[in-house]
Amino acid sequence: MTAPAAEATALLSLAGMHSLMTDAQRAGRACPWCNETVTESGIDLGERHLPDMGTIHPVACRSCVASRAREDYAAHCRTCVRCHYREECAPRLLLRHLALETR
């Protein structure tokens, strides 16, 4: 099984969670959403630079990535002007592919 594209996982929102994350979540040893220990099948969400905390390296479990990708895809489609006019939109395509790839 191949890893999802870094461009897609970087789009997944961690908004509002940073201050609530444990050290294990920030270091990529536990999923940032469900706090379960991440195994070798975990999905790297890419390095994130946070003004208050420095750099974190979140890694998530596959089921949480699939769920978050679906949620972020739906939110994106509701708010994106390009998607509203059915124009080609790279973030929409990346999030859709990620949701399908991780289900």
C-alpha atoms as a PDB file:
ATOM      1  CA  MET A   1       0.000   0.000   0.000  1.00  0.00           C
ATOM      2  CA  THR A   2       1.439   3.382  -0.978  1.00  0.00           C
ATOM      3  CA  ALA A   3       1.396   6.465   1.212  1.00  0.00           C
ATOM      4  CA  PRO A   4      -1.079   9.207   0.325  1.00  0.00           C
ATOM      5  CA  ALA A   5       0.292  12.268  -1.422  1.00  0.00           C
ATOM      6  CA  ALA A   6       1.899  14.762   0.945  1.00  0.00           C
ATOM      7  CA  GLU A   7       0.066  17.583  -0.845  1.00  0.00           C
ATOM      8  CA  ALA A   8      -3.251  16.002   0.175  1.00  0.00           C
ATOM      9  CA  THR A   9      -2.414  15.210   3.798  1.00  0.00           C
ATOM     10  CA  ALA A  10      -1.043  18.740   4.283  1.00  0.00           C
ATOM     11  CA  LEU A  11      -4.539  20.055   3.470  1.00  0.00           C
ATOM     12  CA  LEU A  12      -6.132  18.271   6.426  1.00  0.00           C
ATOM     13  CA  SER A  13      -7.099  20.737   9.088  1.00  0.00           C
ATOM     14  CA  LEU A  14      -5.784  20.575  12.620  1.00  0.00           C
ATOM     15  CA  ALA A  15      -7.329  23.955  13.443  1.00  0.00           C
ATOM     16  CA  GLY A  16      -8.059  24.508  17.106  1.00  0.00           C
ATOM     17  CA  MET A  17      -6.395  21.258  18.150  1.00  0.00           C
ATOM     18  CA  HIS A  18      -2.777  22.322  18.561  1.00  0.00           C
ATOM     19  CA  SER A  19      -3.087  23.532  22.132  1.00  0.00           C
ATOM     20  CA  LEU A  20      -4.966  20.364  23.112  1.00  0.00           C
ATOM     21  CA  MET A  21      -2.459  17.911  21.644  1.00  0.00           C
ATOM     22  CA  THR A  22      -0.306  15.750  23.850  1.00  0.00           C
ATOM     23  CA  ASP A  23       3.447  15.463  23.324  1.00  0.00           C
ATOM     24  CA  ALA A  24       2.857  12.046  21.702  1.00  0.00           C
ATOM     25  CA  GLN A  25       0.396  13.567  19.223  1.00  0.00           C
ATOM     26  CA  ARG A  26       2.733  16.436  18.325  1.00  0.00           C
ATOM     27  CA  ALA A  27       5.614  13.979  17.856  1.00  0.00           C
ATOM     28  CA  GLY A  28       3.634  11.597  15.636  1.00  0.00           C
ATOM     29  CA  ARG A  29       3.365   8.700  18.085  1.00  0.00           C
ATOM     30  CA  ALA A  30      -0.412   9.121  18.560  1.00  0.00           C
ATOM     31  CA  CYS A  31      -3.181  10.175  16.199  1.00  0.00           C
ATOM     32  CA  PRO A  32      -4.008  13.882  16.592  1.00  0.00           C
ATOM     33  CA  TRP A  33      -7.754  13.181  16.394  1.00  0.00           C
ATOM     34  CA  CYS A  34      -8.401   9.955  18.345  1.00  0.00           C
ATOM     35  CA  ASN A  35      -5.147   9.807  20.389  1.00  0.00           C
ATOM     36  CA  GLU A  36      -4.643   6.101  19.591  1.00  0.00           C
ATOM     37  CA  THR A  37      -1.048   4.933  19.285  1.00  0.00           C
ATOM     38  CA  VAL A  38       0.033   5.114  15.645  1.00  0.00           C
ATOM     39  CA  THR A  39       1.451   1.978  14.075  1.00  0.00           C
ATOM     40  CA  GLU A  40       3.565   1.622  10.942  1.00  0.00           C
ATOM     41  CA  SER A  41       0.357   2.030   8.911  1.00  0.00           C
ATOM     42  CA  GLY A  42      -0.029   5.580  10.239  1.00  0.00           C
ATOM     43  CA  ILE A  43      -0.229   8.400   7.712  1.00  0.00           C
ATOM     44  CA  ASP A  44       2.266  11.232   7.956  1.00  0.00           C
ATOM     45  CA  LEU A  45       0.446  14.574   7.917  1.00  0.00           C
ATOM     46  CA  GLY A  46       3.595  16.490   7.154  1.00  0.00           C
ATOM     47  CA  GLU A  47       5.601  18.858   9.253  1.00  0.00           C
ATOM     48  CA  ARG A  48       3.508  21.745  10.601  1.00  0.00           C
ATOM     49  CA  HIS A  49       4.999  25.006  11.836  1.00  0.00           C
ATOM     50  CA  LEU A  50       2.986  26.610  14.622  1.00  0.00           C
ATOM     51  CA  PRO A  51       3.726  30.096  15.928  1.00  0.00           C
ATOM     52  CA  ASP A  52       3.032  29.167  19.573  1.00  0.00           C
ATOM     53  CA  MET A  53       4.584  25.680  19.640  1.00  0.00           C
ATOM     54  CA  GLY A  54       7.248  25.487  16.995  1.00  0.00           C
ATOM     55  CA  THR A  55       7.293  22.511  14.663  1.00  0.00           C
ATOM     56  CA  ILE A  56       5.133  19.420  15.112  1.00  0.00           C
ATOM     57  CA  HIS A  57       5.180  16.141  13.153  1.00  0.00           C
ATOM     58  CA  PRO A  58       1.663  14.675  13.347  1.00  0.00           C
ATOM     59  CA  VAL A  59       0.953  11.148  12.134  1.00  0.00           C
ATOM     60  CA  ALA A  60      -2.648   9.917  12.042  1.00  0.00           C
ATOM     61  CA  CYS A  61      -4.435   6.602  11.913  1.00  0.00           C
ATOM     62  CA  ARG A  62      -5.969   5.650   8.575  1.00  0.00           C
ATOM     63  CA  SER A  63      -9.603   5.790   9.736  1.00  0.00           C
ATOM     64  CA  CYS A  64      -9.230   9.317  11.130  1.00  0.00           C
ATOM     65  CA  VAL A  65      -7.529  10.495   7.915  1.00  0.00           C
ATOM     66  CA  ALA A  66     -10.409   9.073   5.867  1.00  0.00           C
ATOM     67  CA  SER A  67     -12.985  10.742   8.105  1.00  0.00           C
ATOM     68  CA  ARG A  68     -11.185  14.101   8.178  1.00  0.00           C
ATOM     69  CA  ALA A  69     -10.605  14.013   4.406  1.00  0.00           C
ATOM     70  CA  ARG A  70     -14.346  13.512   3.824  1.00  0.00           C
ATOM     71  CA  GLU A  71     -15.220  16.341   6.225  1.00  0.00           C
ATOM     72  CA  ASP A  72     -12.643  18.741   4.784  1.00  0.00           C
ATOM     73  CA  TYR A  73     -13.708  17.836   1.230  1.00  0.00           C
ATOM     74  CA  ALA A  74     -17.337  18.661   2.014  1.00  0.00           C
ATOM     75  CA  ALA A  75     -16.392  21.923   3.736  1.00  0.00           C
ATOM     76  CA  HIS A  76     -14.118  22.885   0.862  1.00  0.00           C
ATOM     77  CA  CYS A  77     -16.811  22.261  -1.753  1.00  0.00           C
ATOM     78  CA  ARG A  78     -19.274  24.449   0.187  1.00  0.00           C
ATOM     79  CA  THR A  79     -16.918  27.411   0.427  1.00  0.00           C
ATOM     80  CA  CYS A  80     -14.722  27.319  -2.700  1.00  0.00           C
ATOM     81  CA  VAL A  81     -15.732  29.707  -5.495  1.00  0.00           C
ATOM     82  CA  ARG A  82     -14.000  27.588  -8.121  1.00  0.00           C
ATOM     83  CA  CYS A  83     -15.871  24.478  -6.989  1.00  0.00           C
ATOM     84  CA  HIS A  84     -19.155  26.425  -7.035  1.00  0.00           C
ATOM     85  CA  TYR A  85     -18.628  27.195 -10.722  1.00  0.00           C
ATOM     86  CA  ARG A  86     -17.405  23.633 -11.371  1.00  0.00           C
ATOM     87  CA  GLU A  87     -13.955  24.791 -12.396  1.00  0.00           C
ATOM     88  CA  GLU A  88     -10.903  22.597 -11.903  1.00  0.00           C
ATOM     89  CA  CYS A  89      -9.780  22.872  -8.289  1.00  0.00           C
ATOM     90  CA  ALA A  90      -6.614  21.103  -7.111  1.00  0.00           C
ATOM     91  CA  PRO A  91      -7.470  21.029  -3.370  1.00  0.00           C
ATOM     92  CA  ARG A  92     -10.880  19.473  -4.099  1.00  0.00           C
ATOM     93  CA  LEU A  93      -9.291  16.761  -6.236  1.00  0.00           C
ATOM     94  CA  LEU A  94      -6.567  16.058  -3.668  1.00  0.00           C
ATOM     95  CA  LEU A  95      -9.031  15.794  -0.766  1.00  0.00           C
ATOM     96  CA  ARG A  96     -11.381  13.576  -2.778  1.00  0.00           C
ATOM     97  CA  HIS A  97      -8.542  11.269  -3.785  1.00  0.00           C
ATOM     98  CA  LEU A  98      -7.305  11.104  -0.188  1.00  0.00           C
ATOM     99  CA  ALA A  99     -10.782  10.242   1.115  1.00  0.00           C
ATOM    100  CA  LEU A 100     -11.155   7.460  -1.439  1.00  0.00           C
ATOM    101  CA  GLU A 101      -7.616   6.185  -0.962  1.00  0.00           C
ATOM    102  CA  THR A 102      -7.894   5.844   2.817  1.00  0.00           C
ATOM    103  CA  ARG A 103     -11.415   4.436   3.172  1.00  0.00           C
END
